[in-house]
Amino acid sequence: MSDHLVTKHAGFQDPSPWILRWADLAPSGMPVLDLACGGGRHGRVFLDRGFAVTFLDRDISAVSDLSDHAGATCLEIDLEAGAPFPLRAHSFGAVIVTCYLHRPILPDILNTVAPGGILLYETFAQGNQAYGHPAREAYLLNEGELLDAVRHSFTVRAYEHGYDATPKPGIRQRICAIRNP
């Protein structure tokens, strides 16, 4: 991974083992979206592998070091401000979302995955209240919620829901799914 300043995002600094495990499924030559990117810990992995990466967050100061990188596009957008989803006209070979949930835009996020592209989604789930932040229902997936969301348009390669101690104890849900042609 490139030498860069990494800021904490929900207590996480290193790329998620889940994202790294499935990253090789991203179709080569297609752009990648790191949504709610924080410090860009996942998008940077793909950038280092030669992918063009769009980093999107409501505050992109943690990825400002990428502003002159030819393969990086940094978009500062508050996805919860009520405006239409800004990437409706775009498609990506890989869409990575971690430590983020805003249900009203979940269908839009799924629609940005190109046919044959991969969705890598990992965030907190019901039961995480026992471990601290996030604890509000709005930020916690229900059991099977990601499975239900991708059921008709994706083929699920892997799914997990349960306790994880690293890097911070909590209940997480993860999915790796490929968009059907």
C-alpha atoms as a PDB file:
ATOM      1  CA  MET A   1       0.000   0.000   0.000  1.00  0.00           C
ATOM      2  CA  SER A   2       1.219   3.500  -0.766  1.00  0.00           C
ATOM      3  CA  ASP A   3       2.761   5.619   1.942  1.00  0.00           C
ATOM      4  CA  HIS A   4       0.043   8.021   3.053  1.00  0.00           C
ATOM      5  CA  LEU A   5      -1.577   9.652   6.030  1.00  0.00           C
ATOM      6  CA  VAL A   6      -4.434   7.503   7.298  1.00  0.00           C
ATOM      7  CA  THR A   7      -7.063   8.981   9.545  1.00  0.00           C
ATOM      8  CA  LYS A   8      -9.264   6.917  11.802  1.00  0.00           C
ATOM      9  CA  HIS A   9     -12.636   5.981  10.404  1.00  0.00           C
ATOM     10  CA  ALA A  10     -14.838   4.381  13.053  1.00  0.00           C
ATOM     11  CA  GLY A  11     -11.642   3.169  14.755  1.00  0.00           C
ATOM     12  CA  PHE A  12     -10.421   1.362  11.638  1.00  0.00           C
ATOM     13  CA  GLN A  13      -7.127   2.189   9.950  1.00  0.00           C
ATOM     14  CA  ASP A  14      -5.990  -0.844   7.985  1.00  0.00           C
ATOM     15  CA  PRO A  15      -7.928  -2.236   5.035  1.00  0.00           C
ATOM     16  CA  SER A  16     -10.564  -4.738   6.022  1.00  0.00           C
ATOM     17  CA  PRO A  17      -9.529  -8.382   5.596  1.00  0.00           C
ATOM     18  CA  TRP A  18     -12.958  -8.940   3.990  1.00  0.00           C
ATOM     19  CA  ILE A  19     -12.291  -6.361   1.284  1.00  0.00           C
ATOM     20  CA  LEU A  20      -8.762  -7.663   0.696  1.00  0.00           C
ATOM     21  CA  ARG A  21     -10.040 -11.246   0.483  1.00  0.00           C
ATOM     22  CA  TRP A  22     -12.382 -10.449  -2.416  1.00  0.00           C
ATOM     23  CA  ALA A  23     -10.545  -7.563  -4.130  1.00  0.00           C
ATOM     24  CA  ASP A  24      -9.173  -9.803  -6.881  1.00  0.00           C
ATOM     25  CA  LEU A  25     -12.726 -10.255  -8.205  1.00  0.00           C
ATOM     26  CA  ALA A  26     -12.861  -6.621  -9.341  1.00  0.00           C
ATOM     27  CA  PRO A  27     -12.924  -6.591 -13.155  1.00  0.00           C
ATOM     28  CA  SER A  28      -9.685  -5.131 -14.500  1.00  0.00           C
ATOM     29  CA  GLY A  29      -9.951  -1.938 -16.481  1.00  0.00           C
ATOM     30  CA  MET A  30     -13.146  -0.814 -14.751  1.00  0.00           C
ATOM     31  CA  PRO A  31     -13.325   2.043 -12.246  1.00  0.00           C
ATOM     32  CA  VAL A  32     -13.837   1.516  -8.523  1.00  0.00           C
ATOM     33  CA  LEU A  33     -16.030   3.485  -6.111  1.00  0.00           C
ATOM     34  CA  ASP A  34     -14.969   3.837  -2.466  1.00  0.00           C
ATOM     35  CA  LEU A  35     -18.199   5.218  -0.999  1.00  0.00           C
ATOM     36  CA  ALA A  36     -18.070   6.937   2.395  1.00  0.00           C
ATOM     37  CA  CYS A  37     -14.340   6.524   1.960  1.00  0.00           C
ATOM     38  CA  GLY A  38     -13.063   8.203   5.128  1.00  0.00           C
ATOM     39  CA  GLY A  39      -9.276   8.025   4.780  1.00  0.00           C
ATOM     40  CA  GLY A  40      -9.591   5.925   1.634  1.00  0.00           C
ATOM     41  CA  ARG A  41      -8.144   2.765   3.166  1.00  0.00           C
ATOM     42  CA  HIS A  42      -9.881   0.560   0.603  1.00  0.00           C
ATOM     43  CA  GLY A  43      -9.777   2.767  -2.466  1.00  0.00           C
ATOM     44  CA  ARG A  44      -6.038   3.175  -1.982  1.00  0.00           C
ATOM     45  CA  VAL A  45      -5.616  -0.597  -2.264  1.00  0.00           C
ATOM     46  CA  PHE A  46      -7.310  -0.518  -5.670  1.00  0.00           C
ATOM     47  CA  LEU A  47      -5.451   2.629  -6.716  1.00  0.00           C
ATOM     48  CA  ASP A  48      -2.177   0.840  -5.941  1.00  0.00           C
ATOM     49  CA  ARG A  49      -3.358  -2.031  -8.159  1.00  0.00           C
ATOM     50  CA  GLY A  50      -3.802   0.315 -11.121  1.00  0.00           C
ATOM     51  CA  PHE A  51      -7.560   0.961 -10.934  1.00  0.00           C
ATOM     52  CA  ALA A  52      -9.118   4.381 -11.394  1.00  0.00           C
ATOM     53  CA  VAL A  53     -10.859   5.112  -8.085  1.00  0.00           C
ATOM     54  CA  THR A  54     -13.583   7.551  -7.129  1.00  0.00           C
ATOM     55  CA  PHE A  55     -13.358   8.480  -3.437  1.00  0.00           C
ATOM     56  CA  LEU A  56     -16.641   9.876  -2.149  1.00  0.00           C
ATOM     57  CA  ASP A  57     -17.375  11.235   1.311  1.00  0.00           C
ATOM     58  CA  ARG A  58     -19.004  14.253   2.939  1.00  0.00           C
ATOM     59  CA  ASP A  59     -15.515  15.349   4.021  1.00  0.00           C
ATOM     60  CA  ILE A  60     -12.661  14.402   1.706  1.00  0.00           C
ATOM     61  CA  SER A  61      -9.885  16.102   3.641  1.00  0.00           C
ATOM     62  CA  ALA A  62      -8.509  12.684   4.643  1.00  0.00           C
ATOM     63  CA  VAL A  63      -7.871  11.861   0.970  1.00  0.00           C
ATOM     64  CA  SER A  64      -6.639  15.328  -0.031  1.00  0.00           C
ATOM     65  CA  ASP A  65      -3.170  13.860  -0.618  1.00  0.00           C
ATOM     66  CA  LEU A  66      -4.683  12.131  -3.690  1.00  0.00           C
ATOM     67  CA  SER A  67      -5.871  15.323  -5.380  1.00  0.00           C
ATOM     68  CA  ASP A  68      -3.012  15.249  -7.909  1.00  0.00           C
ATOM     69  CA  HIS A  69      -3.079  11.483  -8.474  1.00  0.00           C
ATOM     70  CA  ALA A  70      -4.085  10.762 -12.077  1.00  0.00           C
ATOM     71  CA  GLY A  71      -6.175   7.727 -11.117  1.00  0.00           C
ATOM     72  CA  ALA A  72      -8.074   9.325  -8.246  1.00  0.00           C
ATOM     73  CA  THR A  73     -11.255  11.371  -8.316  1.00  0.00           C
ATOM     74  CA  CYS A  74     -12.281  12.867  -4.988  1.00  0.00           C
ATOM     75  CA  LEU A  75     -15.908  13.922  -4.551  1.00  0.00           C
ATOM     76  CA  GLU A  76     -17.073  15.799  -1.488  1.00  0.00           C
ATOM     77  CA  ILE A  77     -20.805  15.083  -1.264  1.00  0.00           C
ATOM     78  CA  ASP A  78     -23.136  14.628   1.673  1.00  0.00           C
ATOM     79  CA  LEU A  79     -25.193  11.623   0.598  1.00  0.00           C
ATOM     80  CA  GLU A  80     -27.673  12.239   3.410  1.00  0.00           C
ATOM     81  CA  ALA A  81     -28.574  15.821   2.456  1.00  0.00           C
ATOM     82  CA  GLY A  82     -31.663  14.739   0.511  1.00  0.00           C
ATOM     83  CA  ALA A  83     -30.372  15.510  -2.982  1.00  0.00           C
ATOM     84  CA  PRO A  84     -30.684  12.868  -5.710  1.00  0.00           C
ATOM     85  CA  PHE A  85     -27.924  10.270  -5.647  1.00  0.00           C
ATOM     86  CA  PRO A  86     -25.050  11.945  -7.546  1.00  0.00           C
ATOM     87  CA  LEU A  87     -23.701   8.883  -9.358  1.00  0.00           C
ATOM     88  CA  ARG A  88     -26.886   7.566 -10.982  1.00  0.00           C
ATOM     89  CA  ALA A  89     -25.378   7.950 -14.448  1.00  0.00           C
ATOM     90  CA  HIS A  90     -22.166   6.111 -13.510  1.00  0.00           C
ATOM     91  CA  SER A  91     -21.221   2.468 -13.196  1.00  0.00           C
ATOM     92  CA  PHE A  92     -18.257   0.866 -11.478  1.00  0.00           C
ATOM     93  CA  GLY A  93     -16.536  -2.490 -11.686  1.00  0.00           C
ATOM     94  CA  ALA A  94     -16.275  -2.525  -7.903  1.00  0.00           C
ATOM     95  CA  VAL A  95     -18.234  -0.658  -5.268  1.00  0.00           C
ATOM     96  CA  ILE A  96     -16.796  -0.746  -1.754  1.00  0.00           C
ATOM     97  CA  VAL A  97     -18.802   0.396   1.266  1.00  0.00           C
ATOM     98  CA  THR A  98     -17.614  -0.103   4.843  1.00  0.00           C
ATOM     99  CA  CYS A  99     -18.759   1.345   8.151  1.00  0.00           C
ATOM    100  CA  TYR A 100     -21.635   3.169   6.466  1.00  0.00           C
ATOM    101  CA  LEU A 101     -25.381   2.719   6.121  1.00  0.00           C
ATOM    102  CA  HIS A 102     -27.977   5.132   4.773  1.00  0.00           C
ATOM    103  CA  ARG A 103     -30.899   2.963   3.670  1.00  0.00           C
ATOM    104  CA  PRO A 104     -32.594   5.517   1.368  1.00  0.00           C
ATOM    105  CA  ILE A 105     -29.663   5.333  -1.083  1.00  0.00           C
ATOM    106  CA  LEU A 106     -28.976   1.592  -0.874  1.00  0.00           C
ATOM    107  CA  PRO A 107     -30.819   0.871  -4.167  1.00  0.00           C
ATOM    108  CA  ASP A 108     -28.800   3.640  -5.863  1.00  0.00           C
ATOM    109  CA  ILE A 109     -25.551   2.203  -4.526  1.00  0.00           C
ATOM    110  CA  LEU A 110     -26.449  -1.229  -5.895  1.00  0.00           C
ATOM    111  CA  ASN A 111     -27.353   0.265  -9.277  1.00  0.00           C
ATOM    112  CA  THR A 112     -23.862   1.759  -9.657  1.00  0.00           C
ATOM    113  CA  VAL A 113     -22.363  -1.740  -9.801  1.00  0.00           C
ATOM    114  CA  ALA A 114     -21.820  -2.583 -13.481  1.00  0.00           C
ATOM    115  CA  PRO A 115     -22.952  -5.961 -14.823  1.00  0.00           C
ATOM    116  CA  GLY A 116     -20.189  -8.392 -13.885  1.00  0.00           C
ATOM    117  CA  GLY A 117     -18.953  -5.929 -11.270  1.00  0.00           C
ATOM    118  CA  ILE A 118     -18.549  -6.628  -7.584  1.00  0.00           C
ATOM    119  CA  LEU A 119     -20.197  -5.224  -4.491  1.00  0.00           C
ATOM    120  CA  LEU A 120     -18.111  -5.402  -1.315  1.00  0.00           C
ATOM    121  CA  TYR A 121     -20.172  -4.160   1.587  1.00  0.00           C
ATOM    122  CA  GLU A 122     -19.315  -4.436   5.286  1.00  0.00           C
ATOM    123  CA  THR A 123     -20.946  -2.545   8.123  1.00  0.00           C
ATOM    124  CA  PHE A 124     -22.401  -2.895  11.577  1.00  0.00           C
ATOM    125  CA  ALA A 125     -25.519  -4.914  12.327  1.00  0.00           C
ATOM    126  CA  GLN A 126     -28.179  -5.418  14.980  1.00  0.00           C
ATOM    127  CA  GLY A 127     -26.585  -6.470  18.250  1.00  0.00           C
ATOM    128  CA  ASN A 128     -23.752  -3.984  17.925  1.00  0.00           C
ATOM    129  CA  GLN A 129     -25.471  -1.874  20.590  1.00  0.00           C
ATOM    130  CA  ALA A 130     -23.778  -4.098  23.183  1.00  0.00           C
ATOM    131  CA  TYR A 131     -20.356  -2.976  21.915  1.00  0.00           C
ATOM    132  CA  GLY A 132     -20.851   0.784  21.609  1.00  0.00           C
ATOM    133  CA  HIS A 133     -20.906   2.985  18.548  1.00  0.00           C
ATOM    134  CA  PRO A 134     -22.832   2.745  16.303  1.00  0.00           C
ATOM    135  CA  ALA A 135     -25.847   1.816  18.391  1.00  0.00           C
ATOM    136  CA  ARG A 136     -28.733   3.619  16.666  1.00  0.00           C
ATOM    137  CA  GLU A 137     -31.101   1.360  14.729  1.00  0.00           C
ATOM    138  CA  ALA A 138     -30.735   3.549  11.618  1.00  0.00           C
ATOM    139  CA  TYR A 139     -27.048   2.600  11.381  1.00  0.00           C
ATOM    140  CA  LEU A 140     -27.392  -1.133  11.999  1.00  0.00           C
ATOM    141  CA  LEU A 141     -28.336  -3.715   9.412  1.00  0.00           C
ATOM    142  CA  ASN A 142     -31.017  -6.260  10.181  1.00  0.00           C
ATOM    143  CA  GLU A 143     -30.016  -9.899   9.883  1.00  0.00           C
ATOM    144  CA  GLY A 144     -30.037 -10.847   6.196  1.00  0.00           C
ATOM    145  CA  GLU A 145     -30.665  -7.268   5.038  1.00  0.00           C
ATOM    146  CA  LEU A 146     -27.789  -7.202   2.544  1.00  0.00           C
ATOM    147  CA  LEU A 147     -28.864 -10.617   1.210  1.00  0.00           C
ATOM    148  CA  ASP A 148     -32.377  -9.291   0.663  1.00  0.00           C
ATOM    149  CA  ALA A 149     -31.069  -6.145  -1.035  1.00  0.00           C
ATOM    150  CA  VAL A 150     -29.066  -8.026  -3.680  1.00  0.00           C
ATOM    151  CA  ARG A 151     -31.401 -11.014  -4.099  1.00  0.00           C
ATOM    152  CA  HIS A 152     -32.729 -10.207  -7.588  1.00  0.00           C
ATOM    153  CA  SER A 153     -29.758  -8.616  -9.349  1.00  0.00           C
ATOM    154  CA  PHE A 154     -26.626 -10.197  -7.884  1.00  0.00           C
ATOM    155  CA  THR A 155     -25.021 -13.564  -7.316  1.00  0.00           C
ATOM    156  CA  VAL A 156     -23.749 -13.835  -3.750  1.00  0.00           C
ATOM    157  CA  ARG A 157     -20.201 -15.175  -3.482  1.00  0.00           C
ATOM    158  CA  ALA A 158     -19.961 -14.831   0.306  1.00  0.00           C
ATOM    159  CA  TYR A 159     -21.965 -13.493   3.226  1.00  0.00           C
ATOM    160  CA  GLU A 160     -21.303 -13.221   6.943  1.00  0.00           C
ATOM    161  CA  HIS A 161     -23.240 -11.884   9.888  1.00  0.00           C
ATOM    162  CA  GLY A 162     -21.960 -12.039  13.436  1.00  0.00           C
ATOM    163  CA  TYR A 163     -19.435 -11.056  16.047  1.00  0.00           C
ATOM    164  CA  ASP A 164     -15.976  -9.885  15.038  1.00  0.00           C
ATOM    165  CA  ALA A 165     -13.322  -8.851  17.576  1.00  0.00           C
ATOM    166  CA  THR A 166     -10.866  -7.220  15.180  1.00  0.00           C
ATOM    167  CA  PRO A 167     -10.055  -4.398  14.904  1.00  0.00           C
ATOM    168  CA  LYS A 168     -12.881  -3.438  17.276  1.00  0.00           C
ATOM    169  CA  PRO A 169     -15.414  -5.774  18.897  1.00  0.00           C
ATOM    170  CA  GLY A 170     -18.810  -5.607  17.267  1.00  0.00           C
ATOM    171  CA  ILE A 171     -21.524  -7.263  15.221  1.00  0.00           C
ATOM    172  CA  ARG A 172     -20.953  -6.937  11.479  1.00  0.00           C
ATOM    173  CA  GLN A 173     -22.595  -7.973   8.267  1.00  0.00           C
ATOM    174  CA  ARG A 174     -20.583  -8.478   5.100  1.00  0.00           C
ATOM    175  CA  ILE A 175     -21.356  -9.401   1.545  1.00  0.00           C
ATOM    176  CA  CYS A 176     -19.420 -10.077  -1.623  1.00  0.00           C
ATOM    177  CA  ALA A 177     -21.809 -10.157  -4.591  1.00  0.00           C
ATOM    178  CA  ILE A 178     -21.405 -10.003  -8.353  1.00  0.00           C
ATOM    179  CA  ARG A 179     -23.932  -8.076 -10.467  1.00  0.00           C
ATOM    180  CA  ASN A 180     -25.750 -10.324 -12.901  1.00  0.00           C
ATOM    181  CA  PRO A 181     -25.377  -9.516 -16.622  1.00  0.00           C
END
